[in-house]
């Protein structure tokens, strides 16, 4: 009997060791080959080493990983201004200076300060973390409007990062507790932060579910869950903003990227009924995003050009009079 138990224990130990080694090997393969392919925008710096000791991300660590913050546009203007959140679109990539960006165009048109808290690679949950940090309370209190510049990729970035998230941390996300969004802390960050897990999540939500929603083949329950979860992010941003400045008006600018279905999501009508202003750029300005030859898309990059942002600023201020 003892010999059988000892043999079973040896088999169990052997299986465990083999499984762990196989997982490490697959993790290294994903990091070495697939993450390079994902990294089309040179987000990953040279010399990043493969890591097994993954940890939960924190807001303070996230700030150290982000691109340099944009300076305030129109800092000398005295009227209540605008605070912007979003990703590289709101940030104004790939421009290094702020003059060609939407931030600057709005500041000059309205003669107000515009604070830009967007950052490349960010998603709606990052805006929640930023607001809840109370690091920008003074800016929020000094603003008449808060704007989130969103693209279709954000629909699945609330689950996974688009460029692999090469850092040795879990991708920052939220989960729902008692109907509220809270920052998710993994009980097993070594697994949840692994390269293979993060890559599979990207494939699941971006290449599978989102594509299925786009072509109309997604399971209705999955679509409903993803839409409700996504909508809750914007509702939470609005609620957290109003805790700091009850009079602030939340505006969502929906800019088209590769996803045609994004502007058609029913969540936008729901959010408008809740008092949030939603501006669908592709509906109001059908010439955008256009082709590179039209001059509205940055060459070999895909982000909006200064010419596009001028059109958007005119839409928001002059045509729709959303911002006044």
Protein backbone atom coordinates (compact mmCIF):
# COMPACT_ATOMS: atom_id res chain seq x y z
CA UNK A 1 0.00 0.00 0.00
CA UNK A 2 2.81 2.39 0.96
CA UNK A 3 4.62 1.62 -2.27
CA UNK A 4 1.50 2.44 -4.31
CA UNK A 5 1.04 5.74 -2.45
CA UNK A 6 4.70 6.59 -2.93
CA UNK A 7 4.45 5.77 -6.63
CA UNK A 8 1.31 7.90 -6.98
CA UNK A 9 3.06 10.76 -5.19
CA UNK A 10 6.02 10.52 -7.56
CA UNK A 11 3.70 10.57 -10.56
CA UNK A 12 1.84 13.61 -9.17
CA UNK A 13 5.10 15.44 -8.52
CA UNK A 14 6.36 14.55 -11.99
CA UNK A 15 3.15 15.79 -13.62
CA UNK A 16 3.29 19.03 -11.59
CA UNK A 17 6.92 19.71 -12.49
CA UNK A 18 6.28 18.91 -16.16
CA UNK A 19 3.22 21.17 -16.23
CA UNK A 20 5.11 24.06 -14.63
CA UNK A 21 8.06 23.66 -16.99
CA UNK A 22 5.75 23.43 -20.00
CA UNK A 23 3.91 26.57 -18.87
CA UNK A 24 7.22 28.44 -18.49
CA UNK A 25 8.31 27.29 -21.94
CA UNK A 26 5.05 28.37 -23.56
CA UNK A 27 5.18 31.67 -21.69
CA UNK A 28 8.68 32.30 -23.02
CA UNK A 29 7.62 31.40 -26.58
CA UNK A 30 4.68 33.82 -26.44
CA UNK A 31 6.89 36.59 -25.03
CA UNK A 32 9.71 36.01 -27.51
CA UNK A 33 7.70 35.65 -30.70
CA UNK A 34 4.12 36.90 -30.37
CA UNK A 35 4.81 40.02 -28.31
CA UNK A 36 7.27 41.28 -30.92
CA UNK A 37 4.52 40.97 -33.53
CA UNK A 38 2.06 42.79 -31.29
CA UNK A 39 4.52 45.60 -30.67
CA UNK A 40 3.94 47.41 -33.97
CA UNK A 41 4.24 50.87 -32.42
CA UNK A 42 7.55 50.36 -30.65
CA UNK A 43 5.92 50.47 -27.25
CA UNK A 44 8.24 47.84 -25.81
CA UNK A 45 11.68 49.32 -25.10
CA UNK A 46 14.86 47.49 -26.00
CA UNK A 47 16.31 45.13 -23.42
CA UNK A 48 13.06 44.05 -21.73
CA UNK A 49 13.76 40.70 -20.13
CA UNK A 50 11.45 37.71 -19.81
CA UNK A 51 10.01 37.63 -16.29
CA UNK A 52 8.23 34.98 -14.22
CA UNK A 53 7.63 36.98 -11.04
CA UNK A 54 4.51 38.85 -12.13
CA UNK A 55 2.79 41.20 -9.68
CA UNK A 56 -0.45 43.12 -9.41
CA UNK A 57 -0.22 46.54 -11.02
CA UNK A 58 -0.77 49.63 -8.86
CA UNK A 59 -1.77 53.12 -9.92
CA UNK A 60 1.58 54.52 -8.80
CA UNK A 61 3.42 51.96 -10.92
CA UNK A 62 1.12 52.60 -13.86
CA UNK A 63 2.04 56.30 -13.80
CA UNK A 64 5.73 55.44 -14.04
CA UNK A 65 5.06 53.32 -17.13
CA UNK A 66 3.09 55.94 -19.05
CA UNK A 67 4.26 58.44 -21.66
CA UNK A 68 5.18 61.97 -20.43
CA UNK A 69 2.08 63.92 -19.45
CA UNK A 70 0.95 66.66 -21.81
CA UNK A 71 1.42 70.24 -20.59
CA UNK A 72 -1.64 72.34 -19.91
CA UNK A 73 -2.93 74.16 -22.99
CA UNK A 74 -4.08 77.73 -22.32
CA UNK A 75 -2.86 77.74 -18.74
CA UNK A 76 -3.19 81.53 -18.55
CA UNK A 77 -6.87 81.54 -19.49
CA UNK A 78 -9.13 82.20 -16.50
CA UNK A 79 -12.45 80.68 -17.57
CA UNK A 80 -13.48 77.17 -16.43
CA UNK A 81 -11.84 74.70 -18.77
CA UNK A 82 -11.86 71.11 -20.02
CA UNK A 83 -10.19 67.98 -18.71
CA UNK A 84 -9.57 65.23 -21.26
CA UNK A 85 -9.16 61.50 -20.75
CA UNK A 86 -8.43 58.76 -23.25
CA UNK A 87 -5.64 56.95 -25.09
CA UNK A 88 -3.25 57.98 -27.86
CA UNK A 89 -6.10 59.67 -29.76
CA UNK A 90 -6.87 62.01 -26.89
CA UNK A 91 -3.15 62.35 -26.19
CA UNK A 92 -2.56 63.53 -29.74
CA UNK A 93 -0.12 60.86 -30.91
CA UNK A 94 2.16 60.79 -32.78
CA UNK A 95 2.70 64.56 -32.43
CA UNK A 96 5.39 65.47 -29.91
CA UNK A 97 4.11 69.03 -29.40
CA UNK A 98 0.57 69.92 -28.34
CA UNK A 99 -0.11 72.55 -31.04
CA UNK A 100 -1.52 70.03 -33.60
CA UNK A 101 -3.69 68.20 -31.01
CA UNK A 102 -7.39 68.43 -30.18
CA UNK A 103 -6.42 69.65 -26.73
CA UNK A 104 -4.72 72.73 -28.13
CA UNK A 105 -7.37 73.41 -30.80
CA UNK A 106 -10.14 73.46 -28.20
CA UNK A 107 -8.14 75.67 -25.88
CA UNK A 108 -7.52 78.26 -28.59
CA UNK A 109 -11.10 78.23 -29.88
CA UNK A 110 -12.70 78.59 -26.46
CA UNK A 111 -9.92 80.52 -24.70
CA UNK A 112 -9.96 78.12 -21.77
CA UNK A 113 -7.36 75.87 -20.12
CA UNK A 114 -7.45 72.27 -21.32
CA UNK A 115 -5.89 69.62 -19.10
CA UNK A 116 -4.99 66.44 -20.93
CA UNK A 117 -4.84 63.25 -18.84
CA UNK A 118 -4.97 60.91 -21.86
CA UNK A 119 -2.07 58.55 -22.43
CA UNK A 120 -1.20 56.09 -25.22
CA UNK A 121 -2.49 52.59 -24.54
CA UNK A 122 -4.97 53.72 -21.90
CA UNK A 123 -8.59 52.57 -21.60
CA UNK A 124 -11.69 53.78 -19.68
CA UNK A 125 -10.65 52.07 -16.44
CA UNK A 126 -7.53 54.24 -16.30
CA UNK A 127 -9.71 57.35 -16.21
CA UNK A 128 -11.52 55.86 -13.23
CA UNK A 129 -8.22 55.22 -11.45
CA UNK A 130 -7.02 58.74 -12.26
CA UNK A 131 -10.16 60.41 -10.92
CA UNK A 132 -10.35 58.24 -7.82
CA UNK A 133 -6.72 59.04 -7.02
CA UNK A 134 -7.86 62.65 -6.33
CA UNK A 135 -4.61 63.75 -7.93
CA UNK A 136 -6.54 65.96 -10.36
CA UNK A 137 -9.27 67.32 -8.09
CA UNK A 138 -8.22 70.94 -8.59
CA UNK A 139 -8.29 70.54 -12.36
CA UNK A 140 -11.70 68.85 -12.27
CA UNK A 141 -13.07 71.58 -10.02
CA UNK A 142 -11.76 74.20 -12.46
CA UNK A 143 -13.49 72.59 -15.44
CA UNK A 144 -16.87 73.04 -17.04
CA UNK A 145 -16.45 69.91 -19.14
CA UNK A 146 -14.77 66.53 -18.91
CA UNK A 147 -14.20 64.73 -22.20
CA UNK A 148 -13.34 61.13 -22.91
CA UNK A 149 -11.97 60.47 -26.43
CA UNK A 150 -12.86 56.87 -27.20
CA UNK A 151 -12.16 54.43 -30.05
CA UNK A 152 -13.51 50.97 -30.79
CA UNK A 153 -10.44 49.25 -29.38
CA UNK A 154 -11.44 50.46 -25.92
CA UNK A 155 -14.38 48.05 -26.07
CA UNK A 156 -12.00 45.18 -25.36
CA UNK A 157 -9.17 47.10 -23.71
CA UNK A 158 -11.19 46.98 -20.51
CA UNK A 159 -10.10 43.31 -20.50
CA UNK A 160 -6.73 43.19 -22.29
CA UNK A 161 -3.96 45.39 -23.66
CA UNK A 162 -3.51 45.82 -27.41
CA UNK A 163 0.29 45.63 -27.50
CA UNK A 164 0.85 42.68 -25.21
CA UNK A 165 1.53 44.54 -21.92
CA UNK A 166 5.15 43.49 -21.79
CA UNK A 167 5.75 44.76 -18.24
CA UNK A 168 5.88 42.18 -15.39
CA UNK A 169 2.47 43.16 -14.05
CA UNK A 170 -1.15 42.26 -14.52
CA UNK A 171 -3.10 44.43 -16.97
CA UNK A 172 -5.06 47.00 -14.86
CA UNK A 173 -8.76 46.16 -14.99
CA UNK A 174 -11.93 46.48 -12.96
CA UNK A 175 -14.46 43.99 -11.67
CA UNK A 176 -18.02 44.47 -10.45
CA UNK A 177 -18.79 44.24 -6.74
CA UNK A 178 -22.26 45.11 -5.45
CA UNK A 179 -23.02 46.82 -8.74
CA UNK A 180 -19.93 49.05 -8.54
CA UNK A 181 -16.68 48.96 -10.49
CA UNK A 182 -13.65 48.35 -8.30
CA UNK A 183 -10.01 47.85 -9.19
CA UNK A 184 -9.33 44.15 -9.75
CA UNK A 185 -6.54 42.54 -7.73
CA UNK A 186 -5.62 39.04 -8.83
CA UNK A 187 -5.13 36.33 -6.22
CA UNK A 188 -2.71 34.67 -8.63
CA UNK A 189 -0.76 37.48 -10.36
CA UNK A 190 1.97 35.05 -11.43
CA UNK A 191 -0.64 33.38 -13.64
CA UNK A 192 -2.88 36.36 -14.51
CA UNK A 193 0.16 38.47 -15.34
CA UNK A 194 1.83 35.81 -17.47
CA UNK A 195 2.46 36.58 -21.12
CA UNK A 196 0.48 33.61 -22.33
CA UNK A 197 -2.56 34.49 -20.19
CA UNK A 198 -2.56 38.13 -21.31
CA UNK A 199 -2.12 37.07 -24.93
CA UNK A 200 -5.00 34.57 -24.75
CA UNK A 201 -7.25 37.23 -23.19
CA UNK A 202 -6.45 39.57 -26.07
CA UNK A 203 -7.28 36.88 -28.60
CA UNK A 204 -10.50 36.00 -26.76
CA UNK A 205 -11.91 39.50 -26.39
CA UNK A 206 -10.42 41.24 -29.45
CA UNK A 207 -10.08 38.56 -32.09
CA UNK A 208 -13.10 36.49 -31.04
CA UNK A 209 -15.89 38.23 -29.12
CA UNK A 210 -15.47 41.72 -30.59
CA UNK A 211 -15.18 40.36 -34.12
CA UNK A 212 -18.29 38.24 -33.54
CA UNK A 213 -20.21 41.28 -32.33
CA UNK A 214 -19.05 43.14 -35.44
CA UNK A 215 -20.28 40.44 -37.83
CA UNK A 216 -23.43 39.61 -35.85
CA UNK A 217 -22.50 36.07 -34.75
CA UNK A 218 -21.76 36.68 -31.07
CA UNK A 219 -23.71 34.87 -28.38
CA UNK A 220 -26.39 37.39 -27.23
CA UNK A 221 -25.55 36.85 -23.56
CA UNK A 222 -21.86 37.54 -24.14
CA UNK A 223 -22.68 40.67 -26.13
CA UNK A 224 -25.08 41.89 -23.43
CA UNK A 225 -22.51 41.28 -20.71
CA UNK A 226 -19.72 43.08 -22.60
CA UNK A 227 -21.97 46.06 -23.41
CA UNK A 228 -23.25 46.38 -19.85
CA UNK A 229 -19.76 46.07 -18.39
CA UNK A 230 -18.41 48.63 -20.83
CA UNK A 231 -21.25 51.09 -20.24
CA UNK A 232 -20.66 50.85 -16.50
CA UNK A 233 -17.16 52.26 -17.03
CA UNK A 234 -18.51 55.52 -18.49
CA UNK A 235 -21.27 55.72 -15.91
CA UNK A 236 -18.63 55.35 -13.21
CA UNK A 237 -16.43 58.05 -14.74
CA UNK A 238 -19.41 60.41 -14.77
CA UNK A 239 -20.35 59.58 -11.18
CA UNK A 240 -16.80 59.96 -9.87
CA UNK A 241 -16.37 63.29 -11.66
CA UNK A 242 -19.57 64.67 -10.16
CA UNK A 243 -18.45 63.70 -6.67
CA UNK A 244 -15.66 66.23 -7.14
CA UNK A 245 -17.49 68.78 -9.30
CA UNK A 246 -21.30 68.34 -9.34
CA UNK A 247 -21.68 70.83 -12.19
CA UNK A 248 -19.23 69.27 -14.62
CA UNK A 249 -20.65 68.05 -17.96
CA UNK A 250 -19.30 64.73 -19.20
CA UNK A 251 -18.79 64.48 -22.98
CA UNK A 252 -17.85 61.27 -24.83
CA UNK A 253 -16.24 61.76 -28.24
CA UNK A 254 -16.63 58.55 -30.27
CA UNK A 255 -13.90 58.44 -32.92
CA UNK A 256 -13.90 55.65 -35.48
CA UNK A 257 -10.95 53.31 -35.76
CA UNK A 258 -11.12 49.89 -37.42
CA UNK A 259 -14.47 48.93 -35.88
CA UNK A 260 -17.55 49.99 -37.83
CA UNK A 261 -20.00 48.65 -35.22
CA UNK A 262 -18.67 50.79 -32.38
CA UNK A 263 -20.72 53.93 -33.01
CA UNK A 264 -23.84 51.76 -33.36
CA UNK A 265 -23.66 50.26 -29.88
CA UNK A 266 -26.93 50.84 -27.98
CA UNK A 267 -24.99 51.97 -24.91
CA UNK A 268 -24.53 55.46 -26.39
CA UNK A 269 -28.28 56.14 -26.41
CA UNK A 270 -28.51 54.82 -22.86
CA UNK A 271 -25.72 57.12 -21.70
CA UNK A 272 -27.31 60.13 -23.37
CA UNK A 273 -30.52 59.43 -21.46
CA UNK A 274 -28.41 59.67 -18.29
CA UNK A 275 -27.31 63.21 -19.18
CA UNK A 276 -23.98 62.38 -20.80
CA UNK A 277 -23.26 64.09 -24.13
CA UNK A 278 -22.19 61.62 -26.84
CA UNK A 279 -20.72 62.88 -30.11
CA UNK A 280 -20.23 60.30 -32.88
CA UNK A 281 -17.58 61.74 -35.16
CA UNK A 282 -18.23 59.28 -38.01
CA UNK A 283 -21.88 60.35 -38.11
CA UNK A 284 -21.27 64.08 -37.90
CA UNK A 285 -18.12 64.10 -40.04
CA UNK A 286 -18.40 61.15 -42.45
CA UNK A 287 -15.16 62.18 -44.17
CA UNK A 288 -13.31 61.08 -41.02
CA UNK A 289 -11.21 59.08 -40.40
CA UNK A 290 -10.79 58.93 -44.17
CA UNK A 291 -7.77 57.61 -46.02
CA UNK A 292 -4.17 58.73 -45.67
CA UNK A 293 -4.41 60.45 -49.04
CA UNK A 294 -7.20 62.66 -47.65
CA UNK A 295 -4.84 64.13 -45.08
CA UNK A 296 -6.96 63.21 -42.06
CA UNK A 297 -4.87 60.19 -41.07
CA UNK A 298 -1.21 60.38 -40.09
CA UNK A 299 0.98 58.60 -42.71
CA UNK A 300 2.02 55.06 -41.79
CA UNK A 301 0.47 55.49 -38.38
CA UNK A 302 -3.32 55.78 -38.56
CA UNK A 303 -3.88 58.41 -35.86
CA UNK A 304 -5.80 61.60 -36.71
CA UNK A 305 -3.80 64.50 -38.13
CA UNK A 306 -3.97 68.14 -37.16
CA UNK A 307 -6.35 68.63 -40.11
CA UNK A 308 -8.74 66.09 -38.58
CA UNK A 309 -8.58 67.64 -35.12
CA UNK A 310 -9.40 71.07 -36.55
CA UNK A 311 -12.57 69.54 -38.02
CA UNK A 312 -13.47 67.91 -34.72
CA UNK A 313 -12.90 71.12 -32.75
CA UNK A 314 -15.12 73.04 -35.17
CA UNK A 315 -17.78 70.32 -34.78
CA UNK A 316 -17.76 70.48 -30.98
CA UNK A 317 -17.67 74.27 -30.66
CA UNK A 318 -19.28 75.77 -33.77
CA UNK A 319 -21.51 73.16 -35.37
CA UNK A 320 -22.91 71.12 -32.44
CA UNK A 321 -22.16 73.75 -29.77
CA UNK A 322 -21.44 70.97 -27.30
CA UNK A 323 -18.62 73.00 -25.78
CA UNK A 324 -19.26 76.69 -25.10
